[in-house]
């Protein structure tokens, strides 16, 4: 996975499995730098792992973006709470 920053236009496409499991990724999560990791880090998550991680991702100030080519139905499956933490943009 390309973790270079800043991301250049056209780097949004993803091929291969999610970072968390063999499923197809539906979101790109960018974890902000920390004192022990001084650079942002990309994670590609499937819908299930994004859904169960939303609160922790929000607490860590992660940025979440829907991946291009992901159908609206896939994202709707895990945006079931009106005040969902770490919302998909």
PDB file of N, CA and C in Angstrom:
ATOM      1  N   UNK A   1       0.845  -1.167   0.000  1.00  0.00           N
ATOM      2  CA  UNK A   1       0.000   0.000   0.000  1.00  0.00           C
ATOM      3  C   UNK A   1       0.893   1.234   0.000  1.00  0.00           C
ATOM      4  N   UNK A   2       0.487   2.211  -0.776  1.00  0.00           N
ATOM      5  CA  UNK A   2       1.239   3.466  -0.855  1.00  0.00           C
ATOM      6  C   UNK A   2       0.843   4.349   0.321  1.00  0.00           C
ATOM      7  N   UNK A   3       1.788   4.672   1.193  1.00  0.00           N
ATOM      8  CA  UNK A   3       1.493   5.526   2.340  1.00  0.00           C
ATOM      9  C   UNK A   3       2.178   6.876   2.214  1.00  0.00           C
ATOM     10  N   UNK A   4       2.554   7.265   0.988  1.00  0.00           N
ATOM     11  CA  UNK A   4       3.243   8.544   0.808  1.00  0.00           C
ATOM     12  C   UNK A   4       2.267   9.708   0.969  1.00  0.00           C
ATOM     13  N   UNK A   5       2.769  10.800   1.498  1.00  0.00           N
ATOM     14  CA  UNK A   5       1.972  11.996   1.697  1.00  0.00           C
ATOM     15  C   UNK A   5       2.753  13.178   1.188  1.00  0.00           C
ATOM     16  N   UNK A   6       2.129  14.212   0.656  1.00  0.00           N
ATOM     17  CA  UNK A   6       0.696  14.232   0.449  1.00  0.00           C
ATOM     18  C   UNK A   6       0.300  13.332  -0.715  1.00  0.00           C
ATOM     19  N   UNK A   7      -0.911  12.830  -0.652  1.00  0.00           N
ATOM     20  CA  UNK A   7      -1.427  11.950  -1.697  1.00  0.00           C
ATOM     21  C   UNK A   7      -1.618  12.766  -2.978  1.00  0.00           C
ATOM     22  N   UNK A   8      -1.206  12.205  -4.067  1.00  0.00           N
ATOM     23  CA  UNK A   8      -1.330  12.865  -5.367  1.00  0.00           C
ATOM     24  C   UNK A   8      -2.651  12.462  -6.024  1.00  0.00           C
ATOM     25  N   UNK A   9      -3.245  13.327  -6.851  1.00  0.00           N
ATOM     26  CA  UNK A   9      -4.455  12.943  -7.577  1.00  0.00           C
ATOM     27  C   UNK A   9      -4.187  11.676  -8.385  1.00  0.00           C
ATOM     28  N   UNK A  10      -5.172  10.789  -8.381  1.00  0.00           N
ATOM     29  CA  UNK A  10      -5.013   9.541  -9.120  1.00  0.00           C
ATOM     30  C   UNK A  10      -4.500   8.406  -8.259  1.00  0.00           C
ATOM     31  N   UNK A  11      -4.098   8.672  -7.021  1.00  0.00           N
ATOM     32  CA  UNK A  11      -3.643   7.610  -6.129  1.00  0.00           C
ATOM     33  C   UNK A  11      -4.795   6.985  -5.354  1.00  0.00           C
ATOM     34  N   UNK A  12      -6.010   7.347  -5.665  1.00  0.00           N
ATOM     35  CA  UNK A  12      -7.147   6.874  -4.903  1.00  0.00           C
ATOM     36  C   UNK A  12      -7.534   5.434  -5.216  1.00  0.00           C
ATOM     37  N   UNK A  13      -7.179   4.927  -6.391  1.00  0.00           N
ATOM     38  CA  UNK A  13      -7.608   3.590  -6.754  1.00  0.00           C
ATOM     39  C   UNK A  13      -6.866   2.548  -5.930  1.00  0.00           C
ATOM     40  N   UNK A  14      -7.575   1.465  -5.623  1.00  0.00           N
ATOM     41  CA  UNK A  14      -7.028   0.411  -4.782  1.00  0.00           C
ATOM     42  C   UNK A  14      -7.308  -0.926  -5.446  1.00  0.00           C
ATOM     43  N   UNK A  15      -6.312  -1.777  -5.462  1.00  0.00           N
ATOM     44  CA  UNK A  15      -6.509  -3.149  -5.914  1.00  0.00           C
ATOM     45  C   UNK A  15      -6.025  -4.068  -4.809  1.00  0.00           C
ATOM     46  N   UNK A  16      -6.667  -5.175  -4.644  1.00  0.00           N
ATOM     47  CA  UNK A  16      -6.259  -6.124  -3.628  1.00  0.00           C
ATOM     48  C   UNK A  16      -7.161  -6.069  -2.406  1.00  0.00           C
ATOM     49  N   UNK A  17      -6.828  -6.898  -1.418  1.00  0.00           N
ATOM     50  CA  UNK A  17      -7.676  -7.004  -0.234  1.00  0.00           C
ATOM     51  C   UNK A  17      -7.463  -5.855   0.741  1.00  0.00           C
ATOM     52  N   UNK A  18      -8.361  -5.781   1.705  1.00  0.00           N
ATOM     53  CA  UNK A  18      -8.244  -4.811   2.789  1.00  0.00           C
ATOM     54  C   UNK A  18      -7.038  -5.162   3.662  1.00  0.00           C
ATOM     55  N   UNK A  19      -6.618  -4.233   4.484  1.00  0.00           N
ATOM     56  CA  UNK A  19      -5.503  -4.476   5.418  1.00  0.00           C
ATOM     57  C   UNK A  19      -5.921  -5.414   6.547  1.00  0.00           C
ATOM     58  N   UNK A  20      -7.217  -5.445   6.844  1.00  0.00           N
ATOM     59  CA  UNK A  20      -7.717  -6.155   8.014  1.00  0.00           C
ATOM     60  C   UNK A  20      -8.099  -7.603   7.760  1.00  0.00           C
ATOM     61  N   UNK A  21      -8.409  -7.936   6.502  1.00  0.00           N
ATOM     62  CA  UNK A  21      -8.895  -9.271   6.172  1.00  0.00           C
ATOM     63  C   UNK A  21      -8.902  -9.422   4.646  1.00  0.00           C
ATOM     64  N   UNK A  22      -9.272 -10.585   4.123  1.00  0.00           N
ATOM     65  CA  UNK A  22      -9.247 -10.765   2.666  1.00  0.00           C
ATOM     66  C   UNK A  22     -10.404 -10.102   1.904  1.00  0.00           C
ATOM     67  N   UNK A  23     -11.289  -9.413   2.606  1.00  0.00           N
ATOM     68  CA  UNK A  23     -12.430  -8.760   1.957  1.00  0.00           C
ATOM     69  C   UNK A  23     -11.979  -7.562   1.124  1.00  0.00           C
ATOM     70  N   UNK A  24     -12.864  -7.093   0.269  1.00  0.00           N
ATOM     71  CA  UNK A  24     -12.602  -5.907  -0.538  1.00  0.00           C
ATOM     72  C   UNK A  24     -12.691  -4.667   0.340  1.00  0.00           C
ATOM     73  N   UNK A  25     -11.721  -3.772   0.266  1.00  0.00           N
ATOM     74  CA  UNK A  25     -11.798  -2.546   1.075  1.00  0.00           C
ATOM     75  C   UNK A  25     -12.883  -1.613   0.559  1.00  0.00           C
ATOM     76  N   UNK A  26     -13.536  -0.903   1.477  1.00  0.00           N
ATOM     77  CA  UNK A  26     -14.549   0.072   1.090  1.00  0.00           C
ATOM     78  C   UNK A  26     -14.210   1.473   1.564  1.00  0.00           C
ATOM     79  N   UNK A  27     -13.292   1.593   2.544  1.00  0.00           N
ATOM     80  CA  UNK A  27     -12.870   2.904   3.020  1.00  0.00           C
ATOM     81  C   UNK A  27     -11.358   2.949   3.186  1.00  0.00           C
ATOM     82  N   UNK A  28     -10.810   4.156   3.029  1.00  0.00           N
ATOM     83  CA  UNK A  28      -9.405   4.425   3.334  1.00  0.00           C
ATOM     84  C   UNK A  28      -9.412   5.242   4.619  1.00  0.00           C
ATOM     85  N   UNK A  29      -8.731   4.737   5.630  1.00  0.00           N
ATOM     86  CA  UNK A  29      -8.602   5.427   6.909  1.00  0.00           C
ATOM     87  C   UNK A  29      -7.191   5.982   6.979  1.00  0.00           C
ATOM     88  N   UNK A  30      -7.069   7.255   7.287  1.00  0.00           N
ATOM     89  CA  UNK A  30      -5.747   7.855   7.475  1.00  0.00           C
ATOM     90  C   UNK A  30      -5.592   8.131   8.966  1.00  0.00           C
ATOM     91  N   UNK A  31      -4.687   7.384   9.573  1.00  0.00           N
ATOM     92  CA  UNK A  31      -4.379   7.562  10.987  1.00  0.00           C
ATOM     93  C   UNK A  31      -3.398   8.728  11.116  1.00  0.00           C
ATOM     94  N   UNK A  32      -3.687   9.674  11.998  1.00  0.00           N
ATOM     95  CA  UNK A  32      -2.777  10.818  12.150  1.00  0.00           C
ATOM     96  C   UNK A  32      -1.461  10.392  12.812  1.00  0.00           C
ATOM     97  N   UNK A  33      -0.442  11.223  12.675  1.00  0.00           N
ATOM     98  CA  UNK A  33       0.835  10.921  13.333  1.00  0.00           C
ATOM     99  C   UNK A  33       0.667  10.825  14.853  1.00  0.00           C
ATOM    100  N   UNK A  34       1.574  10.101  15.465  1.00  0.00           N
ATOM    101  CA  UNK A  34       1.627   9.997  16.928  1.00  0.00           C
ATOM    102  C   UNK A  34       3.063  10.255  17.360  1.00  0.00           C
ATOM    103  N   UNK A  35       3.297  10.395  18.642  1.00  0.00           N
ATOM    104  CA  UNK A  35       4.684  10.599  19.088  1.00  0.00           C
ATOM    105  C   UNK A  35       5.619   9.454  18.689  1.00  0.00           C
ATOM    106  N   UNK A  36       5.105   8.239  18.610  1.00  0.00           N
ATOM    107  CA  UNK A  36       5.956   7.099  18.242  1.00  0.00           C
ATOM    108  C   UNK A  36       5.931   6.789  16.751  1.00  0.00           C
ATOM    109  N   UNK A  37       4.996   7.398  16.012  1.00  0.00           N
ATOM    110  CA  UNK A  37       4.909   7.226  14.559  1.00  0.00           C
ATOM    111  C   UNK A  37       4.696   8.611  13.966  1.00  0.00           C
ATOM    112  N   UNK A  38       5.772   9.284  13.581  1.00  0.00           N
ATOM    113  CA  UNK A  38       5.685  10.705  13.202  1.00  0.00           C
ATOM    114  C   UNK A  38       5.118  10.975  11.807  1.00  0.00           C
ATOM    115  N   UNK A  39       4.440  10.018  11.211  1.00  0.00           N
ATOM    116  CA  UNK A  39       3.863  10.224   9.882  1.00  0.00           C
ATOM    117  C   UNK A  39       2.461   9.623   9.860  1.00  0.00           C
ATOM    118  N   UNK A  40       1.563  10.142   9.004  1.00  0.00           N
ATOM    119  CA  UNK A  40       0.238   9.528   8.868  1.00  0.00           C
ATOM    120  C   UNK A  40       0.361   8.152   8.216  1.00  0.00           C
ATOM    121  N   UNK A  41      -0.608   7.291   8.490  1.00  0.00           N
ATOM    122  CA  UNK A  41      -0.598   5.936   7.949  1.00  0.00           C
ATOM    123  C   UNK A  41      -1.970   5.604   7.383  1.00  0.00           C
ATOM    124  N   UNK A  42      -1.983   5.058   6.170  1.00  0.00           N
ATOM    125  CA  UNK A  42      -3.225   4.630   5.525  1.00  0.00           C
ATOM    126  C   UNK A  42      -3.586   3.214   5.947  1.00  0.00           C
ATOM    127  N   UNK A  43      -4.878   2.988   6.131  1.00  0.00           N
ATOM    128  CA  UNK A  43      -5.422   1.651   6.331  1.00  0.00           C
ATOM    129  C   UNK A  43      -6.576   1.483   5.357  1.00  0.00           C
ATOM    130  N   UNK A  44      -6.680   0.347   4.743  1.00  0.00           N
ATOM    131  CA  UNK A  44      -7.814   0.031   3.878  1.00  0.00           C
ATOM    132  C   UNK A  44      -8.687  -0.953   4.638  1.00  0.00           C
ATOM    133  N   UNK A  45      -9.904  -0.543   4.963  1.00  0.00           N
ATOM    134  CA  UNK A  45     -10.779  -1.395   5.762  1.00  0.00           C
ATOM    135  C   UNK A  45     -12.000  -1.851   4.984  1.00  0.00           C
ATOM    136  N   UNK A  46     -12.425  -3.073   5.274  1.00  0.00           N
ATOM    137  CA  UNK A  46     -13.686  -3.578   4.728  1.00  0.00           C
ATOM    138  C   UNK A  46     -14.822  -2.925   5.518  1.00  0.00           C
ATOM    139  N   UNK A  47     -16.031  -3.071   5.038  1.00  0.00           N
ATOM    140  CA  UNK A  47     -17.182  -2.466   5.702  1.00  0.00           C
ATOM    141  C   UNK A  47     -17.366  -2.953   7.124  1.00  0.00           C
ATOM    142  N   UNK A  48     -17.215  -4.252   7.343  1.00  0.00           N
ATOM    143  CA  UNK A  48     -17.397  -4.808   8.687  1.00  0.00           C
ATOM    144  C   UNK A  48     -16.377  -4.237   9.673  1.00  0.00           C
ATOM    145  N   UNK A  49     -15.109  -4.271   9.304  1.00  0.00           N
ATOM    146  CA  UNK A  49     -14.078  -3.788  10.228  1.00  0.00           C
ATOM    147  C   UNK A  49     -14.153  -2.267  10.433  1.00  0.00           C
ATOM    148  N   UNK A  50     -14.587  -1.525   9.428  1.00  0.00           N
ATOM    149  CA  UNK A  50     -14.816  -0.098   9.638  1.00  0.00           C
ATOM    150  C   UNK A  50     -15.951   0.094  10.637  1.00  0.00           C
ATOM    151  N   UNK A  51     -17.054  -0.628  10.434  1.00  0.00           N
ATOM    152  CA  UNK A  51     -18.225  -0.466  11.295  1.00  0.00           C
ATOM    153  C   UNK A  51     -17.885  -0.750  12.755  1.00  0.00           C
ATOM    154  N   UNK A  52     -17.163  -1.824  13.038  1.00  0.00           N
ATOM    155  CA  UNK A  52     -16.864  -2.159  14.431  1.00  0.00           C
ATOM    156  C   UNK A  52     -15.755  -1.276  15.019  1.00  0.00           C
ATOM    157  N   UNK A  53     -15.046  -0.520  14.167  1.00  0.00           N
ATOM    158  CA  UNK A  53     -13.936   0.327  14.634  1.00  0.00           C
ATOM    159  C   UNK A  53     -14.280   1.812  14.674  1.00  0.00           C
ATOM    160  N   UNK A  54     -15.486   2.187  14.269  1.00  0.00           N
ATOM    161  CA  UNK A  54     -15.830   3.605  14.132  1.00  0.00           C
ATOM    162  C   UNK A  54     -15.543   4.436  15.371  1.00  0.00           C
ATOM    163  N   UNK A  55     -15.941   3.976  16.530  1.00  0.00           N
ATOM    164  CA  UNK A  55     -15.755   4.781  17.738  1.00  0.00           C
ATOM    165  C   UNK A  55     -14.277   4.975  18.054  1.00  0.00           C
ATOM    166  N   UNK A  56     -13.484   3.936  17.930  1.00  0.00           N
ATOM    167  CA  UNK A  56     -12.052   4.048  18.203  1.00  0.00           C
ATOM    168  C   UNK A  56     -11.386   4.952  17.173  1.00  0.00           C
ATOM    169  N   UNK A  57     -11.759   4.828  15.893  1.00  0.00           N
ATOM    170  CA  UNK A  57     -11.188   5.691  14.853  1.00  0.00           C
ATOM    171  C   UNK A  57     -11.518   7.153  15.119  1.00  0.00           C
ATOM    172  N   UNK A  58     -12.746   7.423  15.548  1.00  0.00           N
ATOM    173  CA  UNK A  58     -13.138   8.802  15.861  1.00  0.00           C
ATOM    174  C   UNK A  58     -12.333   9.317  17.050  1.00  0.00           C
ATOM    175  N   UNK A  59     -12.134   8.480  18.060  1.00  0.00           N
ATOM    176  CA  UNK A  59     -11.371   8.895  19.238  1.00  0.00           C
ATOM    177  C   UNK A  59      -9.922   9.214  18.886  1.00  0.00           C
ATOM    178  N   UNK A  60      -9.403   8.554  17.847  1.00  0.00           N
ATOM    179  CA  UNK A  60      -8.021   8.772  17.412  1.00  0.00           C
ATOM    180  C   UNK A  60      -7.909   9.853  16.339  1.00  0.00           C
ATOM    181  N   UNK A  61      -9.025  10.528  16.030  1.00  0.00           N
ATOM    182  CA  UNK A  61      -9.065  11.590  15.017  1.00  0.00           C
ATOM    183  C   UNK A  61      -8.636  11.108  13.636  1.00  0.00           C
ATOM    184  N   UNK A  62      -9.018   9.894  13.303  1.00  0.00           N
ATOM    185  CA  UNK A  62      -8.720   9.358  11.979  1.00  0.00           C
ATOM    186  C   UNK A  62      -9.634   9.997  10.938  1.00  0.00           C
ATOM    187  N   UNK A  63      -9.134  10.108   9.709  1.00  0.00           N
ATOM    188  CA  UNK A  63      -9.918  10.586   8.578  1.00  0.00           C
ATOM    189  C   UNK A  63     -10.363   9.363   7.784  1.00  0.00           C
ATOM    190  N   UNK A  64     -11.634   9.326   7.412  1.00  0.00           N
ATOM    191  CA  UNK A  64     -12.180   8.175   6.692  1.00  0.00           C
ATOM    192  C   UNK A  64     -12.763   8.656   5.372  1.00  0.00           C
ATOM    193  N   UNK A  65     -12.373   7.984   4.279  1.00  0.00           N
ATOM    194  CA  UNK A  65     -12.885   8.328   2.952  1.00  0.00           C
ATOM    195  C   UNK A  65     -13.389   7.079   2.257  1.00  0.00           C
ATOM    196  N   UNK A  66     -14.568   7.194   1.653  1.00  0.00           N
ATOM    197  CA  UNK A  66     -15.102   6.106   0.841  1.00  0.00           C
ATOM    198  C   UNK A  66     -14.191   5.937  -0.371  1.00  0.00           C
ATOM    199  N   UNK A  67     -13.883   4.703  -0.725  1.00  0.00           N
ATOM    200  CA  UNK A  67     -13.031   4.453  -1.887  1.00  0.00           C
ATOM    201  C   UNK A  67     -13.820   4.586  -3.179  1.00  0.00           C
ATOM    202  N   UNK A  68     -13.192   5.081  -4.241  1.00  0.00           N
ATOM    203  CA  UNK A  68     -13.868   5.186  -5.535  1.00  0.00           C
ATOM    204  C   UNK A  68     -14.319   3.800  -6.007  1.00  0.00           C
ATOM    205  N   UNK A  69     -15.458   3.766  -6.641  1.00  0.00           N
ATOM    206  CA  UNK A  69     -15.956   2.511  -7.181  1.00  0.00           C
ATOM    207  C   UNK A  69     -16.748   1.685  -6.188  1.00  0.00           C
ATOM    208  N   UNK A  70     -16.837   2.132  -4.939  1.00  0.00           N
ATOM    209  CA  UNK A  70     -17.625   1.419  -3.931  1.00  0.00           C
ATOM    210  C   UNK A  70     -19.058   1.886  -4.078  1.00  0.00           C
ATOM    211  N   UNK A  71     -19.972   0.929  -4.205  1.00  0.00           N
ATOM    212  CA  UNK A  71     -21.373   1.304  -4.392  1.00  0.00           C
ATOM    213  C   UNK A  71     -21.907   1.969  -3.132  1.00  0.00           C
ATOM    214  N   UNK A  72     -22.871   2.842  -3.313  1.00  0.00           N
ATOM    215  CA  UNK A  72     -23.494   3.515  -2.179  1.00  0.00           C
ATOM    216  C   UNK A  72     -24.110   2.535  -1.208  1.00  0.00           C
ATOM    217  N   UNK A  73     -24.589   1.391  -1.706  1.00  0.00           N
ATOM    218  CA  UNK A  73     -25.194   0.390  -0.838  1.00  0.00           C
ATOM    219  C   UNK A  73     -24.185  -0.186   0.143  1.00  0.00           C
ATOM    220  N   UNK A  74     -22.938  -0.377  -0.279  1.00  0.00           N
ATOM    221  CA  UNK A  74     -21.918  -0.926   0.617  1.00  0.00           C
ATOM    222  C   UNK A  74     -21.652   0.025   1.765  1.00  0.00           C
ATOM    223  N   UNK A  75     -21.581   1.317   1.500  1.00  0.00           N
ATOM    224  CA  UNK A  75     -21.332   2.292   2.555  1.00  0.00           C
ATOM    225  C   UNK A  75     -22.567   2.418   3.442  1.00  0.00           C
ATOM    226  N   UNK A  76     -23.767   2.366   2.863  1.00  0.00           N
ATOM    227  CA  UNK A  76     -24.990   2.505   3.641  1.00  0.00           C
ATOM    228  C   UNK A  76     -25.121   1.391   4.672  1.00  0.00           C
ATOM    229  N   UNK A  77     -24.554   0.235   4.421  1.00  0.00           N
ATOM    230  CA  UNK A  77     -24.651  -0.882   5.357  1.00  0.00           C
ATOM    231  C   UNK A  77     -24.043  -0.556   6.709  1.00  0.00           C
ATOM    232  N   UNK A  78     -23.047   0.321   6.754  1.00  0.00           N
ATOM    233  CA  UNK A  78     -22.432   0.606   8.042  1.00  0.00           C
ATOM    234  C   UNK A  78     -22.560   2.059   8.465  1.00  0.00           C
ATOM    235  N   UNK A  79     -23.428   2.800   7.834  1.00  0.00           N
ATOM    236  CA  UNK A  79     -23.754   4.164   8.272  1.00  0.00           C
ATOM    237  C   UNK A  79     -25.159   4.154   8.840  1.00  0.00           C
ATOM    238  N   UNK A  80     -25.400   3.315   9.839  1.00  0.00           N
ATOM    239  CA  UNK A  80     -26.739   3.121  10.352  1.00  0.00           C
ATOM    240  C   UNK A  80     -27.090   3.966  11.551  1.00  0.00           C
ATOM    241  N   UNK A  81     -26.172   4.770  12.053  1.00  0.00           N
ATOM    242  CA  UNK A  81     -26.446   5.599  13.208  1.00  0.00           C
ATOM    243  C   UNK A  81     -26.445   7.064  12.800  1.00  0.00           C
ATOM    244  N   UNK A  82     -27.451   7.834  13.231  1.00  0.00           N
ATOM    245  CA  UNK A  82     -27.521   9.246  12.837  1.00  0.00           C
ATOM    246  C   UNK A  82     -26.284  10.043  13.241  1.00  0.00           C
ATOM    247  N   UNK A  83     -25.689   9.757  14.373  1.00  0.00           N
ATOM    248  CA  UNK A  83     -24.504  10.494  14.813  1.00  0.00           C
ATOM    249  C   UNK A  83     -23.290   9.583  14.796  1.00  0.00           C
ATOM    250  N   UNK A  84     -23.120   8.898  13.697  1.00  0.00           N
ATOM    251  CA  UNK A  84     -22.049   7.922  13.552  1.00  0.00           C
ATOM    252  C   UNK A  84     -20.664   8.541  13.741  1.00  0.00           C
ATOM    253  N   UNK A  85     -19.854   7.994  14.666  1.00  0.00           N
ATOM    254  CA  UNK A  85     -18.485   8.486  14.803  1.00  0.00           C
ATOM    255  C   UNK A  85     -17.663   8.170  13.558  1.00  0.00           C
ATOM    256  N   UNK A  86     -16.620   8.920  13.320  1.00  0.00           N
ATOM    257  CA  UNK A  86     -15.718   8.729  12.186  1.00  0.00           C
ATOM    258  C   UNK A  86     -16.514   8.527  10.898  1.00  0.00           C
ATOM    259  N   UNK A  87     -17.325   9.511  10.504  1.00  0.00           N
ATOM    260  CA  UNK A  87     -18.160   9.348   9.309  1.00  0.00           C
ATOM    261  C   UNK A  87     -17.334   9.275   8.031  1.00  0.00           C
ATOM    262  N   UNK A  88     -17.890   8.619   7.055  1.00  0.00           N
ATOM    263  CA  UNK A  88     -17.276   8.497   5.749  1.00  0.00           C
ATOM    264  C   UNK A  88     -17.509   9.766   4.969  1.00  0.00           C
ATOM    265  N   UNK A  89     -16.454  10.281   4.316  1.00  0.00           N
ATOM    266  CA  UNK A  89     -16.639  11.472   3.477  1.00  0.00           C
ATOM    267  C   UNK A  89     -16.530  11.092   2.023  1.00  0.00           C
TER     268      UNK A  89
END
